Amino acid sequence: MNEARCSFCDRSADDVKALIKAPAGDAEVYICTDCVRACATTLNKSGLETPQVARDSKPARGDSAREPNKKTE
């Protein structure tokens, strides 16, 4: 079984706070919270707007955010 890893920085689920799986069919594509933060910072610096999401909001339908430090199947 392959261990889930961030598709951007290649860190494992054990090395990050959480991994978010892309809702892209059968593809195993993940992004960690650190890379999400880095992307948002880059967008902000370039003058582009980033979506604001409440910390207590639930993932959109089809999103499968993993709880922090839990193993992904």
Protein backbone atom coordinates (compact mmCIF):
# COMPACT_ATOMS: atom_id res chain seq x y z
CA MET A 1 0.00 0.00 0.00
CA ASN A 2 1.38 3.41 -0.95
CA GLU A 3 1.64 6.02 1.77
CA ALA A 4 -0.25 9.25 1.02
CA ARG A 5 2.14 12.14 0.31
CA CYS A 6 1.70 15.80 -0.59
CA SER A 7 1.87 16.13 -4.37
CA PHE A 8 3.62 19.50 -4.00
CA CYS A 9 6.31 19.00 -1.33
CA ASP A 10 6.36 15.17 -1.18
CA ARG A 11 6.08 15.06 2.64
CA SER A 12 4.26 12.08 4.13
CA ALA A 13 1.08 12.21 6.18
CA ASP A 14 3.20 11.73 9.31
CA ASP A 15 5.25 14.85 8.51
CA VAL A 16 2.37 17.32 8.08
CA LYS A 17 -0.62 18.49 10.09
CA ALA A 18 -3.15 17.24 7.51
CA LEU A 19 -3.44 16.12 3.90
CA ILE A 20 -6.35 17.02 1.67
CA LYS A 21 -7.22 14.60 -1.12
CA ALA A 22 -8.19 16.11 -4.46
CA PRO A 23 -11.66 15.18 -5.68
CA ALA A 24 -10.12 14.05 -9.00
CA GLY A 25 -11.60 10.65 -9.75
CA ASP A 26 -9.20 7.78 -9.14
CA ALA A 27 -6.08 9.96 -8.98
CA GLU A 28 -4.23 9.93 -5.67
CA VAL A 29 -3.44 13.65 -5.47
CA TYR A 30 -2.97 15.33 -2.10
CA ILE A 31 -1.94 18.74 -0.78
CA CYS A 32 -0.79 19.44 2.77
CA THR A 33 -1.92 22.38 4.86
CA ASP A 34 1.56 23.95 4.66
CA CYS A 35 1.40 23.97 0.84
CA VAL A 36 -2.15 25.36 0.92
CA ARG A 37 -0.84 28.20 3.11
CA ALA A 38 2.12 28.80 0.77
CA CYS A 39 -0.21 28.94 -2.24
CA ALA A 40 -2.52 31.41 -0.50
CA THR A 41 0.47 33.61 0.41
CA THR A 42 1.68 33.57 -3.19
CA LEU A 43 -1.77 34.52 -4.47
CA ASN A 44 -2.07 37.32 -1.92
CA LYS A 45 1.37 38.73 -2.83
CA SER A 46 0.43 38.71 -6.51
CA GLY A 47 -2.71 40.71 -5.78
CA LEU A 48 -5.11 37.87 -6.55
CA GLU A 49 -7.97 37.15 -4.20
CA THR A 50 -8.07 33.94 -2.21
CA PRO A 51 -11.29 32.37 -0.96
CA GLN A 52 -12.00 32.84 2.72
CA VAL A 53 -13.24 29.70 4.47
CA ALA A 54 -14.34 29.57 8.07
CA ARG A 55 -12.17 27.28 10.18
CA ASP A 56 -15.23 25.39 11.41
CA SER A 57 -16.78 24.93 7.97
CA LYS A 58 -17.26 21.45 6.58
CA PRO A 59 -15.53 20.38 3.34
CA ALA A 60 -17.52 20.94 0.16
CA ARG A 61 -19.30 17.92 -1.26
CA GLY A 62 -16.74 15.60 -2.82
CA ASP A 63 -13.84 16.95 -0.76
CA SER A 64 -12.24 14.49 1.59
CA ALA A 65 -10.13 16.37 4.08
CA ARG A 66 -8.31 14.02 6.42
CA GLU A 67 -8.26 14.67 10.13
CA PRO A 68 -4.83 15.79 11.39
CA ASN A 69 -2.31 12.99 11.86
CA LYS A 70 -4.66 10.19 10.85
CA LYS A 71 -3.56 7.61 8.33
CA THR A 72 -5.18 7.72 4.91
CA GLU A 73 -6.45 4.49 3.40
